Each structure stands twice: as C-alpha cells, then as structure tokens.
Amino acid sequence: GGSMLLHGFVPFCLLCVASLLEILVFLGSGLGVPGNFHSLVCFYPFFFMILVSQRFISWNVGGISSPIKRSKILQALKRHRASVACLQETHLNATEHQKLKRAWVGQIFSADACHKKGGVAFLVAKSFPGTLDLLQADRGGRYLLLKGHLQGLNFYLLGVYGPNVPDSSFWGSITTLCSSYRDHPFLVMGDFNTVVDASVDRSSTLAVSSRDGHDLPAFLDAIELVDAWRLLHPTERDYTHTSRVHGTHSRIDYVLTSPSLFSAVDAVEHGPLEISDHSMVFLDLSSPHSWTARRSWRFPAYLYQDKDFFAFLSSKWKDYIRFNASESISPITFWEASKVVLCGEIISYACARKRRLAQGIIQLERRCRETRSAYIQHPSPMTRTLYYSTQTALNALIH
C-alpha cells in the first residue's frame, strides 16, 4: 500500500513544482529580477519536458489469447514506459480485449478480431494526461480511429493491421476514412504488411511483394503523411519483423505523422525483438508545453537557396490572401493568423523536402555500393568513372 501511495505521490509533487516554476518563469519575464533567479529556473525546460513527453508504442503481438502471454505483453509495455500502446493481431473479441484493462492500463479501445483473425487495440495508461475518444472501429478488426487531445494538441490516432495479400478495398477504406478528417494532424501506427521501399526495407529481394513501393506510398501521399522513423534515420537499415521460416527481415511496422505533428516528435526507435516476431516501434511525443520551453522554431536557412520554395510560398501567400482578406477581419488578426498558417506550410514543405532528400541519399548510396563493386570486380576507366561520379553526386547531396 505504501509503495502505491509513493508511486502516485511523487509525480504529483513533481507536477506541483513544475507548475510553480512555470509561474515563476512567467513572472520573471515581466519583472526585474536578480540574475541568479534566472539561473535557478534555467533547468526548468528540461525538467518539465520529462513530465510531458509521452511514449506511443506500436506492436504486432501475434495473438494474445493466452493469459500468460497477455501478462508478458503488459509487463513489457510497462517496462518500456508506454503512455499509449497500439497492438495489432490480438485475435481477441470484445470481452477478451477488456481483460487487458488491468495494472497500468486505464482505457481500452478495440476493433475486435473476426473469427480469431486480426484485431487492433489501443491501451491507454492511467497516467496519460490527455483524452482519447473512439471515432470508428473496423468490423473486420483491421483498423481503429480515435480522436486525441494532449495538453493543447488535437490530433487523430489511427491503428492499422494491414492485409498480407493484395486488397485494394482495405487501402481505399482507410484513405477515404482519413480524408474525411482533415482538421487536425494524424498519427498513424501499425503493421502494414508491406514496405515503402523494398530496396532498403527488406533484407532480401526474394521477399519482395508486388504491393511493395505502391500501396503504402500511395496512402502516404494521399493523406500527406511522413515516415517518422526514416526521417530521423535517413541512411540506416533496420527491420521490425523477422521471418524464421524464410530467414528474412523487413520493416513493415511504421509510425506515420502529418508534417505539422512531426515537429513535436522527440524520437522514433525500434525496440528489441521480444515475445513476438515483431519489434515494438517507439514514438516519443512532446506536448505544446514543452515545445515552447525546449525549442523555438527557426526558419530553415537552407531554403533561402531553394527557388522552388519561393514559388511555393508565394502561391500559399496568394491563396491565404484570396481566402481571408475581408473587411470583417481586423488587420492584426489577419497578420497574426498568417504567421501561423505560413509557418505550417514552411514546415510541411521542409519535411517533404527532407523526405525526398533522404530517399535520394538512399538511392545514391545503393548505386554507390553497386558501382564500387563493379569497379572492384571489373576495373576499367569506365567503371572507375561511373563509381567516382556516383560518389561525387552522393557527397554533393549529403552536403
């Protein structure tokens, strides 16, 4: 009993201290205070960040009908500090899903399995400081859509368990569903059973599917999402699923975000391969409270040299004027709102540019390995020139 009280009392005390520091920072910004006062609260942004950073975990658990496996899954999620966990392939019905509501889990949302196949569930920690509400659950147990609110941030949360066979109706369904909710950014997570780019997301070409590089990229483009892990690890090869039968590895588990939400992402990592044949995927998301404390947005300097960007921004500014210039809107409101809108457009453009750059680097790295191998095996002026030119192009793109 004492340990439970302490477990709840310590976070409460920390929250009270953080709130007090926030008030002091606010007062200090408007009053003449000693320099050592600012030194006292200079550690505050990092301290408060610890309290508000929330971990979202995506994990294909490969069926959890066994009570023993369910217990292991819950223990593992707690050990990895899950605030919200999206589980795929649970194989559970509505009644069985509710059995997961114990220990640290405060809420359960589920798209129940159909004939012991599929099943998607969101487990929400009792300590999660936001709210989540159910919008739609697929009767086939393939996807689950929630609306979330986290300390000033509104967003949509979609959990997905993709089909492992061609199924255009599935991709059409989730694209149509997401297209009808465009007022807030998206966080999408799950096992998609396909990859964005087979050349870097699969360990062997023998495992390549006809759906690779088509279904998922088309969904990303339609809903304007970015592959959060790839943006943060542009040149890394890592996998989330291991097939012991075929001896192959693939990255078929993703966390995808709207560009505007990506600015709040602290980290995206792959967890260890435990219990399931899929790794967990971790995404650490900050609340708006920590955004302003930790980072102030700055215009990306590299865009000054991008002519396409100026054309893009000019077009967006003209659109903003066309739709918002009105005598009923005060000049102050018009100007302040424009800064928010254009900032979002700049972030969106920069993220898309980074994604294209990352893809270009990956392609050139692959080409560089190929030309180097050809030059080593068959040295000649032609293979040497091809290798050096590819290396030069890669270096130019990186720098």
Foldseek 3Di string as FASTA:
>chain_A
DVVVCVVVVVLVVLVVVLVVLVVVVVVPVVDDDDPVVCVVSLCSLVSVQVSFKAKEKEEALQEDPDPVLLVVVVVVCVVVRHQKYKYKLHLAAPVVQCVSCDDQFPDKDKQHADPSGMIIMMTHGPSQQKDKAWDDHDVNNAKTKIWIDGQHATEIEMEGDADLDDDVVVLVVVLVVLVVDDPHKYKYWYQRNEECACVQFKPDPVPHDPCHNPSVVVSCVSNVKDFLQCLVVLADRDFFAADPVVRMGGHRTTIIIHLVQSLQWPDWDWADCPSHRGTMIMTIGGDPVSPVVPDDDDQDPVCVPPPVVVVVLVVVVVVLCVVPVDPVDDPVNSVVVVVVVSVSVSSSVVSVVSRVLSVVLNVLVVQLVVLVVVCVVPPDPVSVVSNVVSVVVNVVSVD
